[in-house]
Amino acid sequence: MSDAPEVSPPVVTPVRVVIALCLVAPFVAMLWVSSYAKADPAFIGIPFFYWYQMLWVLISTVLTMIAYQLWQRDQRARKAVRNSQDLSEGASR
């Protein structure tokens, strides 16, 4: 028997789907140029085309922070499960 640890395939969980959506949303919003390629409505004299993109810079930052926090929480939970499984296996030996 080999001493190499068993590697389980990646699991798609609802948290990971939310993380993916948080990371993909800014790309979709910016690549769909026809949705914001206009001058009106202007905001404090700045055409919509420009302030919409600047708004997405802020939104992207927030979404990336959320995705990072969710990823950290997911990794801690997976590590805790893995450690508890290791402890239960060690106790049964």
Protein backbone atom coordinates (compact mmCIF):
# COMPACT_ATOMS: atom_id res chain seq x y z
CA MET A 1 0.00 0.00 0.00
CA SER A 2 1.27 3.44 -0.83
CA ASP A 3 1.78 6.22 1.72
CA ALA A 4 0.50 8.86 -0.71
CA PRO A 5 -2.60 10.64 0.57
CA GLU A 6 -5.84 10.03 -1.24
CA VAL A 7 -6.87 13.01 -3.32
CA SER A 8 -10.58 13.55 -3.74
CA PRO A 9 -11.90 15.30 -6.84
CA PRO A 10 -13.02 18.92 -6.48
CA VAL A 11 -16.54 19.32 -5.21
CA VAL A 12 -19.00 21.83 -6.64
CA THR A 13 -20.82 23.37 -3.69
CA PRO A 14 -23.26 26.27 -3.53
CA VAL A 15 -20.54 28.41 -1.91
CA ARG A 16 -18.19 27.74 -4.79
CA VAL A 17 -20.92 28.64 -7.29
CA VAL A 18 -21.41 31.98 -5.50
CA ILE A 19 -17.64 32.55 -5.58
CA ALA A 20 -17.59 31.88 -9.32
CA LEU A 21 -20.50 34.25 -9.92
CA CYS A 22 -18.77 36.98 -7.89
CA LEU A 23 -15.67 36.62 -10.04
CA VAL A 24 -17.43 36.29 -13.41
CA ALA A 25 -20.00 39.10 -13.01
CA PRO A 26 -17.54 42.01 -13.58
CA PHE A 27 -16.21 40.40 -16.76
CA VAL A 28 -19.69 39.89 -18.17
CA ALA A 29 -20.72 43.43 -17.25
CA MET A 30 -17.68 44.98 -18.91
CA LEU A 31 -17.68 42.77 -22.01
CA TRP A 32 -21.35 43.54 -22.74
CA VAL A 33 -20.46 46.97 -24.09
CA SER A 34 -23.77 47.61 -25.84
CA SER A 35 -25.46 47.77 -22.43
CA TYR A 36 -23.53 50.90 -21.45
CA ALA A 37 -22.38 52.47 -24.74
CA LYS A 38 -24.42 55.64 -24.32
CA ALA A 39 -24.03 59.13 -22.89
CA ASP A 40 -27.23 59.43 -20.86
CA PRO A 41 -27.92 59.45 -17.97
CA ALA A 42 -25.06 61.71 -16.99
CA PHE A 43 -23.90 61.79 -13.38
CA ILE A 44 -22.46 65.13 -12.20
CA GLY A 45 -21.67 65.92 -15.81
CA ILE A 46 -19.90 62.60 -16.50
CA PRO A 47 -21.39 60.54 -19.35
CA PHE A 48 -22.90 57.17 -18.44
CA PHE A 49 -20.24 55.31 -20.45
CA TYR A 50 -17.50 56.50 -18.07
CA TRP A 51 -19.18 56.50 -14.68
CA TYR A 52 -20.68 53.04 -15.27
CA GLN A 53 -17.20 51.61 -15.80
CA MET A 54 -15.83 53.40 -12.74
CA LEU A 55 -18.74 52.08 -10.69
CA TRP A 56 -17.81 48.56 -11.79
CA VAL A 57 -14.29 49.09 -10.48
CA LEU A 58 -15.78 49.55 -7.01
CA ILE A 59 -18.30 46.73 -7.45
CA SER A 60 -15.54 44.40 -8.67
CA THR A 61 -13.48 45.18 -5.58
CA VAL A 62 -16.37 44.34 -3.29
CA LEU A 63 -17.23 41.16 -5.19
CA THR A 64 -13.61 40.02 -5.13
CA MET A 65 -13.43 40.63 -1.37
CA ILE A 66 -16.63 38.63 -0.88
CA ALA A 67 -15.29 35.79 -3.05
CA TYR A 68 -12.03 35.74 -1.08
CA GLN A 69 -13.82 35.64 2.28
CA LEU A 70 -16.09 32.83 1.08
CA TRP A 71 -13.10 30.90 -0.27
CA GLN A 72 -11.23 31.25 3.04
CA ARG A 73 -14.30 30.06 4.96
CA ASP A 74 -14.72 27.11 2.58
CA GLN A 75 -11.08 26.11 2.91
CA ARG A 76 -11.20 26.30 6.72
CA ALA A 77 -14.33 24.12 6.75
CA ARG A 78 -12.76 21.57 4.42
CA LYS A 79 -9.61 21.47 6.53
CA ALA A 80 -11.65 20.97 9.70
CA VAL A 81 -13.54 18.07 8.11
CA ARG A 82 -10.32 16.55 6.86
CA ASN A 83 -8.70 16.87 10.30
CA SER A 84 -11.71 15.34 12.05
CA GLN A 85 -11.63 12.43 9.59
CA ASP A 86 -7.91 11.96 10.25
CA LEU A 87 -8.52 11.97 14.00
CA SER A 88 -11.35 9.44 13.74
CA GLU A 89 -9.19 7.19 11.56
CA GLY A 90 -6.32 7.48 14.02
CA ALA A 91 -8.56 6.61 16.97
CA SER A 92 -9.93 3.52 15.22
CA ARG A 93 -6.43 2.13 14.61
